[in-house]
């Protein structure tokens, strides 16, 4: 299953359980490890875990594969790795602290590269 086929499945799974602030970041020009990151916010540990489970179930039903899941035990930040897309489901305080949107939309300059002024 391609990232283009998987993306609407993941977004629908997040919307089913009322995820907020869903953001999709295309990472194909930044890394060869995965094609996209999908970020979503949840209001509680319970909702974060429910969102992650729903993403896993819907991806599997659509014929996709789950490579791994991290963070379900705590539930503040759950990562679901589907291979081509990495899904980060976070509570708002965690999301604002780590600011993954900024990291992936504006990657740091490479070591030895000169800043352009």
N, C-alpha and C. Protein backbone atom coordinates (compact mmCIF):
# COMPACT_ATOMS: atom_id res chain seq x y z
N UNK A 1 0.85 -1.18 0.00
CA UNK A 1 0.00 0.00 0.00
C UNK A 1 0.89 1.24 0.00
N UNK A 2 0.63 2.17 -0.92
CA UNK A 2 1.47 3.36 -1.03
C UNK A 2 1.08 4.40 0.01
N UNK A 3 1.95 5.37 0.21
CA UNK A 3 1.67 6.46 1.14
C UNK A 3 0.43 7.24 0.70
N UNK A 4 0.27 7.41 -0.61
CA UNK A 4 -0.89 8.14 -1.12
C UNK A 4 -2.19 7.40 -0.81
N UNK A 5 -2.17 6.09 -0.82
CA UNK A 5 -3.36 5.29 -0.49
C UNK A 5 -3.59 5.25 1.02
N UNK A 6 -2.50 5.24 1.76
CA UNK A 6 -2.56 5.11 3.21
C UNK A 6 -2.99 6.40 3.91
N UNK A 7 -2.58 7.52 3.38
CA UNK A 7 -2.83 8.80 4.04
C UNK A 7 -4.30 9.07 4.34
N UNK A 8 -5.23 8.91 3.39
CA UNK A 8 -6.64 9.17 3.72
C UNK A 8 -7.20 8.16 4.73
N UNK A 9 -6.69 6.96 4.74
CA UNK A 9 -7.13 5.95 5.71
C UNK A 9 -6.75 6.40 7.12
N UNK A 10 -5.52 6.88 7.26
CA UNK A 10 -5.03 7.33 8.57
C UNK A 10 -5.79 8.56 9.03
N UNK A 11 -5.96 9.53 8.15
CA UNK A 11 -6.67 10.75 8.53
C UNK A 11 -8.11 10.42 8.94
N UNK A 12 -8.78 9.56 8.21
CA UNK A 12 -10.15 9.17 8.56
C UNK A 12 -10.19 8.48 9.92
N UNK A 13 -9.21 7.63 10.19
CA UNK A 13 -9.15 6.94 11.49
C UNK A 13 -8.97 7.94 12.63
N UNK A 14 -8.18 8.96 12.40
CA UNK A 14 -7.97 10.00 13.42
C UNK A 14 -9.24 10.83 13.61
N UNK A 15 -9.89 11.17 12.51
CA UNK A 15 -11.11 11.96 12.59
C UNK A 15 -12.24 11.18 13.26
N UNK A 16 -12.27 9.85 13.10
CA UNK A 16 -13.31 9.00 13.73
C UNK A 16 -13.33 9.17 15.24
N UNK A 17 -12.15 9.35 15.83
CA UNK A 17 -12.05 9.42 17.29
C UNK A 17 -11.80 10.87 17.74
N UNK A 18 -12.12 11.82 16.87
CA UNK A 18 -12.10 13.26 17.19
C UNK A 18 -10.70 13.81 17.50
N UNK A 19 -9.69 13.38 16.76
CA UNK A 19 -8.37 14.00 16.89
C UNK A 19 -8.48 15.45 16.47
N UNK A 20 -7.63 16.28 17.04
CA UNK A 20 -7.62 17.70 16.71
C UNK A 20 -6.32 18.07 16.02
N UNK A 21 -6.33 19.17 15.31
CA UNK A 21 -5.13 19.75 14.71
C UNK A 21 -4.32 18.73 13.91
N UNK A 22 -4.99 18.01 13.03
CA UNK A 22 -4.30 17.02 12.20
C UNK A 22 -3.49 17.76 11.15
N UNK A 23 -2.22 17.41 11.08
CA UNK A 23 -1.32 18.04 10.12
C UNK A 23 -0.52 16.97 9.39
N UNK A 24 -0.38 17.14 8.09
CA UNK A 24 0.37 16.20 7.26
C UNK A 24 1.60 16.93 6.73
N UNK A 25 2.77 16.33 6.93
CA UNK A 25 4.02 16.92 6.46
C UNK A 25 4.67 15.95 5.48
N UNK A 26 4.87 16.40 4.26
CA UNK A 26 5.55 15.61 3.23
C UNK A 26 7.04 15.66 3.52
N UNK A 27 7.65 14.51 3.74
CA UNK A 27 9.07 14.45 4.10
C UNK A 27 9.93 13.82 3.01
N UNK A 28 9.36 13.61 1.84
CA UNK A 28 10.11 12.91 0.78
C UNK A 28 11.38 13.63 0.37
N UNK A 29 11.41 14.96 0.44
CA UNK A 29 12.62 15.71 0.07
C UNK A 29 13.59 15.84 1.24
N UNK A 30 13.17 15.41 2.42
CA UNK A 30 13.99 15.58 3.62
C UNK A 30 14.65 14.29 4.09
N UNK A 31 14.02 13.15 3.82
CA UNK A 31 14.56 11.87 4.27
C UNK A 31 14.06 10.76 3.36
N UNK A 32 14.84 9.71 3.28
CA UNK A 32 14.41 8.55 2.50
C UNK A 32 13.78 7.49 3.40
N UNK A 33 13.68 7.76 4.70
CA UNK A 33 13.15 6.78 5.65
C UNK A 33 11.64 6.62 5.57
N UNK A 34 10.91 7.70 5.29
CA UNK A 34 9.46 7.66 5.18
C UNK A 34 9.01 8.83 4.33
N UNK A 35 7.78 8.74 3.81
CA UNK A 35 7.26 9.75 2.89
C UNK A 35 6.54 10.90 3.58
N UNK A 36 5.95 10.63 4.74
CA UNK A 36 5.17 11.67 5.40
C UNK A 36 5.09 11.42 6.90
N UNK A 37 4.81 12.51 7.59
CA UNK A 37 4.49 12.47 9.01
C UNK A 37 3.09 13.03 9.15
N UNK A 38 2.28 12.36 9.96
CA UNK A 38 0.97 12.89 10.29
C UNK A 38 0.95 13.14 11.79
N UNK A 39 0.64 14.38 12.17
CA UNK A 39 0.56 14.78 13.57
C UNK A 39 -0.89 15.01 13.94
N UNK A 40 -1.25 14.64 15.16
CA UNK A 40 -2.60 14.87 15.65
C UNK A 40 -2.56 15.07 17.16
N UNK A 41 -3.50 15.84 17.66
CA UNK A 41 -3.59 16.09 19.10
C UNK A 41 -4.77 15.35 19.70
N UNK A 42 -4.60 14.94 20.96
CA UNK A 42 -5.65 14.27 21.72
C UNK A 42 -5.72 14.89 23.11
N UNK A 43 -6.88 14.83 23.72
CA UNK A 43 -7.09 15.52 24.99
C UNK A 43 -6.71 14.72 26.24
N UNK A 44 -6.49 13.42 26.10
CA UNK A 44 -6.19 12.61 27.28
C UNK A 44 -5.38 11.38 26.88
N UNK A 45 -4.81 10.72 27.87
CA UNK A 45 -4.08 9.47 27.62
C UNK A 45 -5.01 8.44 26.98
N UNK A 46 -6.22 8.38 27.46
CA UNK A 46 -7.21 7.42 26.93
C UNK A 46 -7.49 7.69 25.46
N UNK A 47 -7.71 8.96 25.10
CA UNK A 47 -8.00 9.30 23.71
C UNK A 47 -6.77 9.05 22.83
N UNK A 48 -5.59 9.36 23.33
CA UNK A 48 -4.36 9.13 22.56
C UNK A 48 -4.22 7.66 22.21
N UNK A 49 -4.42 6.80 23.20
CA UNK A 49 -4.32 5.36 22.96
C UNK A 49 -5.44 4.87 22.03
N UNK A 50 -6.66 5.41 22.20
CA UNK A 50 -7.77 5.01 21.34
C UNK A 50 -7.51 5.41 19.88
N UNK A 51 -6.95 6.58 19.69
CA UNK A 51 -6.61 7.03 18.34
C UNK A 51 -5.57 6.11 17.71
N UNK A 52 -4.55 5.77 18.48
CA UNK A 52 -3.49 4.89 17.96
C UNK A 52 -4.05 3.52 17.60
N UNK A 53 -4.92 2.97 18.45
CA UNK A 53 -5.54 1.67 18.15
C UNK A 53 -6.40 1.75 16.89
N UNK A 54 -7.16 2.84 16.75
CA UNK A 54 -8.02 2.98 15.59
C UNK A 54 -7.20 3.10 14.31
N UNK A 55 -6.09 3.85 14.36
CA UNK A 55 -5.21 3.94 13.19
C UNK A 55 -4.69 2.55 12.83
N UNK A 56 -4.24 1.79 13.83
CA UNK A 56 -3.73 0.45 13.56
C UNK A 56 -4.79 -0.44 12.92
N UNK A 57 -6.00 -0.41 13.47
CA UNK A 57 -7.09 -1.25 12.95
C UNK A 57 -7.46 -0.87 11.52
N UNK A 58 -7.60 0.42 11.26
CA UNK A 58 -8.04 0.88 9.93
C UNK A 58 -6.95 0.63 8.88
N UNK A 59 -5.69 0.80 9.26
CA UNK A 59 -4.60 0.52 8.32
C UNK A 59 -4.59 -0.97 7.99
N UNK A 60 -4.74 -1.82 9.00
CA UNK A 60 -4.76 -3.27 8.76
C UNK A 60 -5.95 -3.66 7.89
N UNK A 61 -7.13 -3.10 8.17
CA UNK A 61 -8.32 -3.41 7.37
C UNK A 61 -8.14 -3.02 5.91
N UNK A 62 -7.38 -1.94 5.67
CA UNK A 62 -7.15 -1.45 4.31
C UNK A 62 -6.04 -2.22 3.60
N UNK A 63 -5.39 -3.13 4.32
CA UNK A 63 -4.32 -3.92 3.71
C UNK A 63 -2.93 -3.37 3.95
N UNK A 64 -2.82 -2.36 4.81
CA UNK A 64 -1.52 -1.79 5.15
C UNK A 64 -0.85 -2.56 6.27
N UNK A 65 0.37 -2.19 6.55
CA UNK A 65 1.17 -2.88 7.56
C UNK A 65 1.57 -1.91 8.66
N UNK A 66 1.55 -2.39 9.90
CA UNK A 66 2.04 -1.62 11.03
C UNK A 66 3.43 -2.17 11.36
N UNK A 67 4.43 -1.31 11.26
CA UNK A 67 5.81 -1.70 11.55
C UNK A 67 6.06 -1.72 13.05
N UNK A 68 5.50 -0.74 13.74
CA UNK A 68 5.70 -0.67 15.18
C UNK A 68 4.86 0.42 15.81
N UNK A 69 4.71 0.32 17.14
CA UNK A 69 3.97 1.30 17.92
C UNK A 69 4.77 1.56 19.18
N UNK A 70 4.94 2.83 19.51
CA UNK A 70 5.68 3.22 20.72
C UNK A 70 4.84 4.18 21.54
N UNK A 71 4.93 4.09 22.85
CA UNK A 71 4.33 5.06 23.75
C UNK A 71 2.95 4.74 24.25
N UNK A 72 2.38 3.59 23.89
CA UNK A 72 1.03 3.27 24.34
C UNK A 72 0.94 3.10 25.85
N UNK A 73 2.02 2.67 26.47
CA UNK A 73 1.99 2.43 27.91
C UNK A 73 1.73 3.73 28.69
N UNK A 74 2.29 4.84 28.26
CA UNK A 74 2.09 6.11 28.95
C UNK A 74 0.92 6.88 28.35
N UNK A 75 0.89 6.97 27.04
CA UNK A 75 -0.25 7.58 26.36
C UNK A 75 -0.18 9.08 26.13
N UNK A 76 0.91 9.73 26.53
CA UNK A 76 1.04 11.16 26.26
C UNK A 76 1.44 11.43 24.82
N UNK A 77 2.23 10.50 24.24
CA UNK A 77 2.69 10.62 22.87
C UNK A 77 2.80 9.20 22.33
N UNK A 78 1.97 8.87 21.37
CA UNK A 78 2.01 7.54 20.77
C UNK A 78 2.43 7.69 19.31
N UNK A 79 3.40 6.89 18.92
CA UNK A 79 3.90 6.88 17.54
C UNK A 79 3.45 5.58 16.89
N UNK A 80 2.85 5.69 15.72
CA UNK A 80 2.44 4.52 14.94
C UNK A 80 3.22 4.58 13.62
N UNK A 81 4.06 3.58 13.40
CA UNK A 81 4.91 3.52 12.20
C UNK A 81 4.29 2.57 11.20
N UNK A 82 3.91 3.12 10.04
CA UNK A 82 3.34 2.28 8.98
C UNK A 82 4.34 2.05 7.86
N UNK A 83 5.58 2.44 8.08
CA UNK A 83 6.60 2.32 7.05
C UNK A 83 6.72 3.59 6.25
N UNK A 84 5.77 3.87 5.37
CA UNK A 84 5.82 5.08 4.55
C UNK A 84 5.32 6.32 5.27
N UNK A 85 4.50 6.12 6.29
CA UNK A 85 3.96 7.24 7.06
C UNK A 85 4.16 6.95 8.54
N UNK A 86 4.65 7.98 9.26
CA UNK A 86 4.81 7.87 10.71
C UNK A 86 3.77 8.81 11.33
N UNK A 87 2.94 8.25 12.21
CA UNK A 87 1.86 9.00 12.84
C UNK A 87 2.25 9.30 14.28
N UNK A 88 2.19 10.59 14.64
CA UNK A 88 2.47 11.03 16.00
C UNK A 88 1.18 11.56 16.59
N UNK A 89 0.71 10.92 17.65
CA UNK A 89 -0.51 11.36 18.34
C UNK A 89 -0.07 11.84 19.72
N UNK A 90 -0.30 13.13 19.98
CA UNK A 90 0.24 13.75 21.19
C UNK A 90 -0.81 14.56 21.93
N UNK A 91 -0.60 14.68 23.22
CA UNK A 91 -1.38 15.63 23.98
C UNK A 91 -0.79 17.02 23.71
N UNK A 92 -1.61 18.07 23.80
CA UNK A 92 -1.17 19.41 23.40
C UNK A 92 0.12 19.90 24.07
N UNK A 93 0.31 19.65 25.35
CA UNK A 93 1.52 20.12 26.03
C UNK A 93 2.77 19.46 25.45
N UNK A 94 2.67 18.18 25.15
CA UNK A 94 3.81 17.45 24.56
C UNK A 94 4.07 17.97 23.15
N UNK A 95 3.00 18.17 22.41
CA UNK A 95 3.15 18.65 21.02
C UNK A 95 3.78 20.04 20.98
N UNK A 96 3.35 20.93 21.86
CA UNK A 96 3.92 22.27 21.85
C UNK A 96 5.36 22.28 22.36
N UNK A 97 5.70 21.34 23.23
CA UNK A 97 7.08 21.26 23.74
C UNK A 97 8.05 20.79 22.66
N UNK A 98 7.71 19.75 21.94
CA UNK A 98 8.63 19.17 20.95
C UNK A 98 8.55 19.84 19.58
N UNK A 99 7.43 20.47 19.25
CA UNK A 99 7.27 21.24 18.01
C UNK A 99 7.82 20.52 16.78
N UNK A 100 7.35 19.31 16.56
CA UNK A 100 7.81 18.52 15.41
C UNK A 100 7.49 19.20 14.08
N UNK A 101 6.40 19.96 14.03
CA UNK A 101 6.06 20.68 12.80
C UNK A 101 7.22 21.57 12.38
N UNK A 102 7.77 22.30 13.33
CA UNK A 102 8.88 23.21 13.01
C UNK A 102 10.12 22.43 12.59
N UNK A 103 10.39 21.35 13.25
CA UNK A 103 11.56 20.55 12.94
C UNK A 103 11.51 20.01 11.51
N UNK A 104 10.37 19.48 11.11
CA UNK A 104 10.27 18.85 9.79
C UNK A 104 9.96 19.83 8.68
N UNK A 105 9.35 20.95 8.99
CA UNK A 105 9.07 21.92 7.94
C UNK A 105 10.26 22.84 7.69
N UNK A 106 11.10 23.00 8.70
CA UNK A 106 12.29 23.84 8.59
C UNK A 106 13.47 23.08 9.18
N UNK A 107 13.98 22.07 8.47
CA UNK A 107 15.07 21.27 9.03
C UNK A 107 16.32 22.12 9.25
N UNK A 108 17.11 21.78 10.26
CA UNK A 108 18.33 22.54 10.54
C UNK A 108 19.32 22.39 9.38
N UNK A 109 20.17 23.39 9.25
CA UNK A 109 21.22 23.33 8.22
C UNK A 109 22.18 22.20 8.53
N UNK A 110 22.75 21.61 7.50
CA UNK A 110 23.71 20.54 7.69
C UNK A 110 25.01 21.08 8.25
N UNK A 111 25.71 20.25 9.01
CA UNK A 111 27.01 20.64 9.57
C UNK A 111 27.93 21.04 8.44
N UNK A 112 28.61 22.14 8.61
CA UNK A 112 29.54 22.60 7.59
C UNK A 112 28.90 23.48 6.54
N UNK A 113 27.57 23.53 6.52
CA UNK A 113 26.89 24.39 5.55
C UNK A 113 26.89 25.82 6.08
N UNK A 114 27.02 26.75 5.20
CA UNK A 114 27.02 28.16 5.59
C UNK A 114 25.61 28.71 5.52
N UNK A 115 25.27 29.50 6.48
CA UNK A 115 23.94 30.13 6.49
C UNK A 115 23.89 31.19 5.40
N UNK A 116 22.73 31.31 4.78
CA UNK A 116 22.53 32.34 3.77
C UNK A 116 21.89 33.53 4.44
N UNK A 117 22.47 34.70 4.26
CA UNK A 117 21.93 35.92 4.90
C UNK A 117 21.34 36.82 3.87
